[in-house]
N, C-alpha and C. Protein backbone atom coordinates (compact mmCIF):
# COMPACT_ATOMS: atom_id res chain seq x y z
N UNK A 1 85.72 122.71 113.52
CA UNK A 1 85.41 124.02 113.05
C UNK A 1 84.36 123.89 111.95
N UNK A 2 83.39 124.75 111.98
CA UNK A 2 82.33 124.68 110.97
C UNK A 2 82.86 125.17 109.62
N UNK A 3 82.27 124.64 108.58
CA UNK A 3 82.66 125.03 107.23
C UNK A 3 82.43 126.52 107.02
N UNK A 4 81.35 127.04 107.55
CA UNK A 4 81.07 128.47 107.39
C UNK A 4 82.14 129.33 108.08
N UNK A 5 82.62 128.90 109.24
CA UNK A 5 83.70 129.62 109.92
C UNK A 5 84.97 129.57 109.08
N UNK A 6 85.25 128.42 108.51
CA UNK A 6 86.43 128.28 107.66
C UNK A 6 86.34 129.21 106.46
N UNK A 7 85.17 129.26 105.82
CA UNK A 7 84.98 130.14 104.67
C UNK A 7 85.21 131.60 105.06
N UNK A 8 84.70 131.97 106.20
CA UNK A 8 84.79 133.35 106.67
C UNK A 8 86.23 133.72 107.06
N UNK A 9 86.94 132.80 107.71
CA UNK A 9 88.27 133.08 108.24
C UNK A 9 89.35 132.19 107.63
N UNK A 10 89.25 131.89 106.36
CA UNK A 10 90.17 130.92 105.76
C UNK A 10 91.63 131.35 105.85
N UNK A 11 91.92 132.62 105.69
CA UNK A 11 93.33 133.07 105.80
C UNK A 11 93.87 132.80 107.20
N UNK A 12 93.07 133.07 108.21
CA UNK A 12 93.49 132.83 109.59
C UNK A 12 93.71 131.34 109.84
N UNK A 13 92.81 130.52 109.33
CA UNK A 13 92.93 129.07 109.51
C UNK A 13 94.17 128.55 108.78
N UNK A 14 94.44 129.07 107.60
CA UNK A 14 95.62 128.64 106.85
C UNK A 14 96.90 128.98 107.62
N UNK A 15 96.97 130.15 108.19
CA UNK A 15 98.14 130.53 108.99
C UNK A 15 98.28 129.59 110.20
N UNK A 16 97.15 129.27 110.82
CA UNK A 16 97.16 128.36 111.97
C UNK A 16 97.70 126.99 111.56
N UNK A 17 97.25 126.47 110.42
CA UNK A 17 97.72 125.17 109.96
C UNK A 17 99.21 125.19 109.67
N UNK A 18 99.70 126.25 109.05
CA UNK A 18 101.14 126.34 108.76
C UNK A 18 101.95 126.37 110.05
N UNK A 19 101.42 127.06 111.05
CA UNK A 19 102.13 127.19 112.33
C UNK A 19 102.12 125.88 113.12
N UNK A 20 100.94 125.26 113.22
CA UNK A 20 100.81 124.06 114.06
C UNK A 20 101.11 122.76 113.33
N UNK A 21 101.07 122.79 111.99
CA UNK A 21 101.25 121.58 111.17
C UNK A 21 100.15 120.55 111.43
N UNK A 22 99.04 120.98 111.97
CA UNK A 22 97.93 120.08 112.29
C UNK A 22 96.79 120.30 111.30
N UNK A 23 96.12 119.23 110.89
CA UNK A 23 94.95 119.38 110.02
C UNK A 23 93.77 119.97 110.78
N UNK A 24 92.81 120.47 110.03
CA UNK A 24 91.59 121.03 110.62
C UNK A 24 90.41 120.22 110.10
N UNK A 25 89.56 119.77 111.02
CA UNK A 25 88.35 119.05 110.64
C UNK A 25 87.23 120.06 110.49
N UNK A 26 86.63 120.08 109.31
CA UNK A 26 85.51 120.99 109.06
C UNK A 26 84.21 120.22 109.21
N UNK A 27 83.25 120.88 109.83
CA UNK A 27 81.97 120.23 110.09
C UNK A 27 80.84 120.89 109.30
N UNK A 28 79.86 120.10 109.01
CA UNK A 28 78.60 120.57 108.41
C UNK A 28 77.49 120.03 109.29
N UNK A 29 76.68 120.93 109.80
CA UNK A 29 75.61 120.57 110.73
C UNK A 29 76.15 119.79 111.93
N UNK A 30 77.34 120.18 112.39
CA UNK A 30 77.92 119.58 113.58
C UNK A 30 78.58 118.23 113.37
N UNK A 31 78.63 117.75 112.13
CA UNK A 31 79.25 116.45 111.85
C UNK A 31 80.49 116.64 110.99
N UNK A 32 81.55 115.90 111.32
CA UNK A 32 82.78 115.98 110.54
C UNK A 32 82.50 115.68 109.08
N UNK A 33 82.96 116.56 108.19
CA UNK A 33 82.68 116.38 106.77
C UNK A 33 83.95 116.37 105.92
N UNK A 34 84.92 117.22 106.29
CA UNK A 34 86.12 117.37 105.48
C UNK A 34 87.31 117.65 106.39
N UNK A 35 88.47 117.14 105.98
CA UNK A 35 89.71 117.46 106.68
C UNK A 35 90.56 118.31 105.74
N UNK A 36 91.03 119.44 106.24
CA UNK A 36 91.88 120.33 105.47
C UNK A 36 93.27 120.26 106.08
N UNK A 37 94.28 120.10 105.20
CA UNK A 37 95.65 119.92 105.69
C UNK A 37 96.61 120.63 104.74
N UNK A 38 97.70 121.15 105.27
CA UNK A 38 98.68 121.78 104.40
C UNK A 38 99.40 120.71 103.59
N UNK A 39 99.97 121.12 102.46
CA UNK A 39 100.58 120.17 101.52
C UNK A 39 101.74 119.41 102.15
N UNK A 40 102.55 120.09 102.95
CA UNK A 40 103.70 119.44 103.59
C UNK A 40 103.24 118.34 104.55
N UNK A 41 102.22 118.62 105.33
CA UNK A 41 101.67 117.62 106.25
C UNK A 41 101.07 116.44 105.51
N UNK A 42 100.40 116.73 104.39
CA UNK A 42 99.80 115.66 103.59
C UNK A 42 100.89 114.77 102.99
N UNK A 43 101.97 115.39 102.50
CA UNK A 43 103.07 114.60 101.94
C UNK A 43 103.70 113.72 103.01
N UNK A 44 103.84 114.24 104.22
CA UNK A 44 104.38 113.44 105.32
C UNK A 44 103.48 112.24 105.60
N UNK A 45 102.19 112.44 105.53
CA UNK A 45 101.23 111.36 105.74
C UNK A 45 101.37 110.30 104.65
N UNK A 46 101.52 110.73 103.40
CA UNK A 46 101.71 109.78 102.30
C UNK A 46 103.02 109.00 102.47
N UNK A 47 104.08 109.69 102.89
CA UNK A 47 105.36 109.01 103.12
C UNK A 47 105.24 107.97 104.22
N UNK A 48 104.56 108.32 105.28
CA UNK A 48 104.36 107.38 106.39
C UNK A 48 103.55 106.17 105.94
N UNK A 49 102.51 106.40 105.15
CA UNK A 49 101.69 105.30 104.63
C UNK A 49 102.55 104.34 103.80
N UNK A 50 103.41 104.89 102.95
CA UNK A 50 104.28 104.06 102.12
C UNK A 50 105.23 103.23 102.98
N UNK A 51 105.79 103.85 104.03
CA UNK A 51 106.69 103.12 104.92
C UNK A 51 105.96 101.98 105.63
N UNK A 52 104.75 102.24 106.10
CA UNK A 52 103.97 101.22 106.80
C UNK A 52 103.66 100.06 105.86
N UNK A 53 103.30 100.38 104.61
CA UNK A 53 103.02 99.31 103.64
C UNK A 53 104.27 98.48 103.36
N UNK A 54 105.41 99.12 103.24
CA UNK A 54 106.67 98.41 103.00
C UNK A 54 107.01 97.51 104.18
N UNK A 55 106.85 98.02 105.38
CA UNK A 55 107.12 97.23 106.58
C UNK A 55 106.21 96.01 106.63
N UNK A 56 104.95 96.17 106.26
CA UNK A 56 104.01 95.05 106.28
C UNK A 56 104.43 93.97 105.28
N UNK A 57 104.85 94.38 104.09
CA UNK A 57 105.31 93.41 103.09
C UNK A 57 106.53 92.66 103.61
N UNK A 58 107.47 93.40 104.19
CA UNK A 58 108.67 92.75 104.74
C UNK A 58 108.33 91.82 105.88
N UNK A 59 107.39 92.23 106.74
CA UNK A 59 106.97 91.38 107.85
C UNK A 59 106.37 90.07 107.34
N UNK A 60 105.53 90.17 106.31
CA UNK A 60 104.92 88.96 105.74
C UNK A 60 105.97 88.05 105.12
N UNK A 61 106.93 88.64 104.43
CA UNK A 61 107.98 87.82 103.81
C UNK A 61 108.86 87.14 104.85
N UNK A 62 109.18 87.87 105.91
CA UNK A 62 109.98 87.26 106.98
C UNK A 62 109.21 86.14 107.66
N UNK A 63 107.93 86.34 107.88
CA UNK A 63 107.11 85.30 108.50
C UNK A 63 107.03 84.08 107.60
N UNK A 64 106.88 84.30 106.31
CA UNK A 64 106.84 83.19 105.34
C UNK A 64 108.16 82.44 105.34
N UNK A 65 109.24 83.17 105.37
CA UNK A 65 110.56 82.54 105.39
C UNK A 65 110.74 81.73 106.68
N UNK A 66 110.26 82.28 107.78
CA UNK A 66 110.36 81.58 109.06
C UNK A 66 109.56 80.29 109.09
N UNK A 67 108.49 80.24 108.30
CA UNK A 67 107.65 79.02 108.22
C UNK A 67 108.16 78.09 107.13
N UNK A 68 109.30 78.44 106.53
CA UNK A 68 109.92 77.64 105.46
C UNK A 68 109.01 77.48 104.26
N UNK A 69 108.19 78.51 103.98
CA UNK A 69 107.34 78.43 102.79
C UNK A 69 108.13 78.77 101.53
N UNK A 70 109.24 79.45 101.71
CA UNK A 70 110.08 79.79 100.57
C UNK A 70 111.23 78.83 100.46
N UNK A 71 111.91 78.85 99.31
CA UNK A 71 113.10 78.04 99.14
C UNK A 71 114.01 78.72 98.14
N UNK A 72 115.22 78.32 98.14
CA UNK A 72 116.20 78.93 97.24
C UNK A 72 115.96 78.44 95.82
N UNK A 73 116.52 79.16 94.86
CA UNK A 73 116.42 78.76 93.45
C UNK A 73 117.08 77.40 93.24
N UNK A 74 118.21 77.18 93.89
CA UNK A 74 118.91 75.88 93.76
C UNK A 74 118.02 74.74 94.24
N UNK A 75 117.35 74.95 95.37
CA UNK A 75 116.45 73.91 95.89
C UNK A 75 115.29 73.65 94.92
N UNK A 76 114.74 74.73 94.37
CA UNK A 76 113.62 74.59 93.43
C UNK A 76 114.05 73.79 92.21
N UNK A 77 115.16 74.21 91.58
CA UNK A 77 115.58 73.54 90.34
C UNK A 77 116.06 72.12 90.58
N UNK A 78 116.62 71.84 91.75
CA UNK A 78 117.04 70.46 92.06
C UNK A 78 115.83 69.53 92.07
N UNK A 79 114.68 70.05 92.42
CA UNK A 79 113.45 69.26 92.41
C UNK A 79 112.74 69.34 91.06
N UNK A 80 112.74 70.51 90.46
CA UNK A 80 111.99 70.77 89.22
C UNK A 80 112.53 69.97 88.04
N UNK A 81 113.84 69.99 87.86
CA UNK A 81 114.42 69.32 86.70
C UNK A 81 114.12 67.82 86.69
N UNK A 82 114.38 67.08 87.74
CA UNK A 82 114.07 65.64 87.70
C UNK A 82 112.57 65.36 87.51
N UNK A 83 111.72 66.13 88.17
CA UNK A 83 110.28 65.90 88.04
C UNK A 83 109.80 66.10 86.61
N UNK A 84 110.45 66.97 85.87
CA UNK A 84 110.04 67.28 84.51
C UNK A 84 110.99 66.71 83.46
N UNK A 85 111.85 65.79 83.92
CA UNK A 85 112.80 65.10 83.04
C UNK A 85 113.60 66.07 82.19
N UNK A 86 114.11 67.09 82.85
CA UNK A 86 114.95 68.08 82.18
C UNK A 86 116.39 67.79 82.59
N UNK A 87 117.24 67.57 81.61
CA UNK A 87 118.65 67.30 81.94
C UNK A 87 119.29 68.54 82.56
N UNK A 88 120.14 68.32 83.50
CA UNK A 88 120.84 69.44 84.14
C UNK A 88 122.25 69.53 83.57
N UNK A 89 122.73 70.76 83.50
CA UNK A 89 124.10 70.98 83.02
C UNK A 89 124.97 71.16 84.25
N UNK A 90 125.89 70.25 84.43
CA UNK A 90 126.81 70.32 85.59
C UNK A 90 128.14 70.82 85.21
């Protein structure tokens, strides 16, 4: 939809967005320039982005664990203390 059409019929477009929950791409000289979206739809998009980022972090951590790049604190300190001549309390 052209920006000029949006300016002229903004109330109609706003009602359409509320009804369909779909964003509207506004064009200038026939090229996409701006996306207009209702607040609820935008919040849903932000929530989805956060979930995807969380899943990616978890995926990386699971992959690292599967490659045995991580170790438990007990394993770390069992190696760290002797290497640094730190007495352990048993």
